[in-house]
Protein backbone atom coordinates (compact mmCIF):
# COMPACT_ATOMS: atom_id res chain seq x y z
CA UNK A 1 4.85 26.34 -54.24
CA UNK A 2 3.35 28.97 -56.53
CA UNK A 3 -0.33 29.13 -57.40
CA UNK A 4 0.45 27.85 -60.89
CA UNK A 5 2.42 24.90 -59.51
CA UNK A 6 -0.46 24.13 -57.14
CA UNK A 7 -2.89 24.28 -60.06
CA UNK A 8 -0.77 21.83 -62.06
CA UNK A 9 -0.51 19.55 -59.04
CA UNK A 10 -4.30 19.63 -58.68
CA UNK A 11 -4.61 18.70 -62.36
CA UNK A 12 -2.43 15.65 -61.84
CA UNK A 13 -4.48 14.72 -58.78
CA UNK A 14 -7.69 14.84 -60.85
CA UNK A 15 -6.13 12.50 -63.43
CA UNK A 16 -4.79 10.12 -60.78
CA UNK A 17 -8.11 9.96 -58.93
CA UNK A 18 -10.06 9.33 -62.12
CA UNK A 19 -8.02 6.20 -62.72
CA UNK A 20 -7.96 5.08 -59.08
CA UNK A 21 -11.68 5.62 -58.53
CA UNK A 22 -12.64 3.69 -61.67
CA UNK A 23 -10.44 0.60 -61.46
CA UNK A 24 -7.91 1.93 -63.96
CA UNK A 25 -10.47 3.04 -66.54
CA UNK A 26 -9.91 6.56 -67.69
CA UNK A 27 -12.70 8.85 -68.87
CA UNK A 28 -10.85 11.75 -70.50
CA UNK A 29 -14.04 13.72 -71.16
CA UNK A 30 -14.92 13.66 -67.47
CA UNK A 31 -11.35 14.65 -66.55
CA UNK A 32 -11.33 17.55 -69.01
CA UNK A 33 -14.64 18.79 -67.61
CA UNK A 34 -13.23 18.74 -64.08
CA UNK A 35 -10.03 20.47 -65.22
CA UNK A 36 -11.98 23.24 -66.95
CA UNK A 37 -14.03 23.75 -63.77
CA UNK A 38 -10.83 23.85 -61.70
CA UNK A 39 -9.31 26.40 -64.09
CA UNK A 40 -12.33 28.68 -63.78
CA UNK A 41 -12.33 28.41 -59.98
CA UNK A 42 -8.56 28.95 -59.78
CA UNK A 43 -8.60 32.20 -61.70
CA UNK A 44 -9.16 35.51 -59.96
CA UNK A 45 -10.42 37.24 -63.11
CA UNK A 46 -14.14 37.34 -63.92
CA UNK A 47 -15.50 33.89 -64.72
CA UNK A 48 -16.54 34.81 -68.27
CA UNK A 49 -12.91 35.50 -69.18
CA UNK A 50 -11.48 32.40 -67.52
CA UNK A 51 -14.28 30.28 -69.04
CA UNK A 52 -13.53 31.64 -72.53
CA UNK A 53 -9.81 30.90 -72.12
CA UNK A 54 -10.53 27.38 -70.84
CA UNK A 55 -12.86 26.68 -73.75
CA UNK A 56 -10.24 27.94 -76.20
CA UNK A 57 -7.72 25.53 -74.64
CA UNK A 58 -10.18 22.65 -74.79
CA UNK A 59 -11.22 23.30 -78.37
CA UNK A 60 -7.72 23.96 -79.67
CA UNK A 61 -5.72 21.35 -77.77
CA UNK A 62 -8.07 18.64 -76.51
CA UNK A 63 -10.91 18.37 -79.01
CA UNK A 64 -8.45 18.33 -81.94
CA UNK A 65 -6.11 15.78 -80.37
CA UNK A 66 -5.09 12.70 -82.33
CA UNK A 67 -5.48 10.68 -79.11
CA UNK A 68 -8.33 12.28 -77.12
CA UNK A 69 -8.54 9.28 -74.81
CA UNK A 70 -5.06 10.18 -73.47
CA UNK A 71 -5.79 13.83 -72.80
CA UNK A 72 -4.64 15.96 -71.24
CA UNK A 73 -1.00 15.35 -72.04
CA UNK A 74 1.76 16.96 -70.00
CA UNK A 75 2.30 19.47 -72.81
CA UNK A 76 -1.36 20.45 -72.74
CA UNK A 77 -1.46 20.83 -68.96
CA UNK A 78 1.65 23.03 -69.21
CA UNK A 79 -0.14 25.21 -71.77
CA UNK A 80 -3.21 25.52 -69.55
CA UNK A 81 -0.98 26.42 -66.61
CA UNK A 82 0.65 29.12 -68.74
CA UNK A 83 -2.80 30.47 -69.63
CA UNK A 84 -3.69 30.65 -65.95
CA UNK A 85 -0.37 32.38 -65.30
CA UNK A 86 -1.29 34.96 -67.95
CA UNK A 87 -4.67 35.60 -66.32
CA UNK A 88 -3.07 35.87 -62.90
CA UNK A 89 -0.27 38.13 -64.23
CA UNK A 90 2.49 35.95 -62.77
CA UNK A 91 4.40 35.41 -66.04
CA UNK A 92 5.22 31.77 -65.27
CA UNK A 93 5.60 29.24 -68.06
CA UNK A 94 4.94 31.81 -70.81
CA UNK A 95 7.25 29.86 -73.11
CA UNK A 96 4.52 27.21 -73.48
CA UNK A 97 2.24 29.61 -75.33
CA UNK A 98 2.59 29.96 -79.09
CA UNK A 99 2.18 33.17 -81.09
CA UNK A 100 -1.25 31.89 -82.13
CA UNK A 101 -2.17 31.37 -78.47
CA UNK A 102 -1.17 34.96 -77.66
CA UNK A 103 -3.24 36.29 -80.55
CA UNK A 104 -6.26 34.26 -79.46
CA UNK A 105 -5.81 35.39 -75.85
CA UNK A 106 -5.71 38.99 -77.11
CA UNK A 107 -8.98 38.42 -79.00
CA UNK A 108 -10.61 36.86 -75.94
CA UNK A 109 -9.50 39.74 -73.68
CA UNK A 110 -10.71 42.30 -76.22
CA UNK A 111 -14.08 40.57 -76.40
CA UNK A 112 -14.45 40.49 -72.61
CA UNK A 113 -12.85 43.93 -72.01
CA UNK A 114 -15.96 45.87 -71.01
CA UNK A 115 -16.69 43.44 -68.16
CA UNK A 116 -13.16 43.48 -66.72
CA UNK A 117 -11.92 45.66 -63.86
CA UNK A 118 -9.65 48.33 -65.33
CA UNK A 119 -6.54 47.13 -63.46
CA UNK A 120 -7.02 43.56 -64.68
CA UNK A 121 -7.53 44.79 -68.23
CA UNK A 122 -4.41 46.98 -68.06
CA UNK A 123 -2.27 44.11 -66.76
CA UNK A 124 -3.53 41.68 -69.40
CA UNK A 125 -3.15 44.19 -72.22
CA UNK A 126 0.35 45.08 -71.09
CA UNK A 127 1.36 41.44 -71.35
CA UNK A 128 -0.37 41.04 -74.71
CA UNK A 129 1.41 44.10 -76.10
CA UNK A 130 4.77 42.87 -74.80
CA UNK A 131 4.18 39.60 -76.70
CA UNK A 132 3.36 41.46 -79.90
CA UNK A 133 -0.08 39.89 -80.11
CA UNK A 134 -2.01 42.99 -81.18
């Protein structure tokens, strides 16, 4: 099992436990908060970068959802997994990210660039350039 697969499995566990621990009631806001925290902990890049990526995901995919009480959907967890894969430079599930996602990820990396270790920055920028997001 890859780190990204483990992350996705942990996401599903959070969702399952939320329902089981609350007699079937589902608090999506609480789940999203826990997922964002898991994302930040799961990433090996500096927390400011992983936090910015997680907040982009939440704002773009969760907060604008037509059915926020059913979030996160499988599609949205796949997107978050792909974002973690990008940060971890594993190139898994990249097909889940749109051109707009890549452009936003490029903006986030550029904003956080001065606080990133040079090797991390080079790896991220290499991927961003290969996706044509600059």
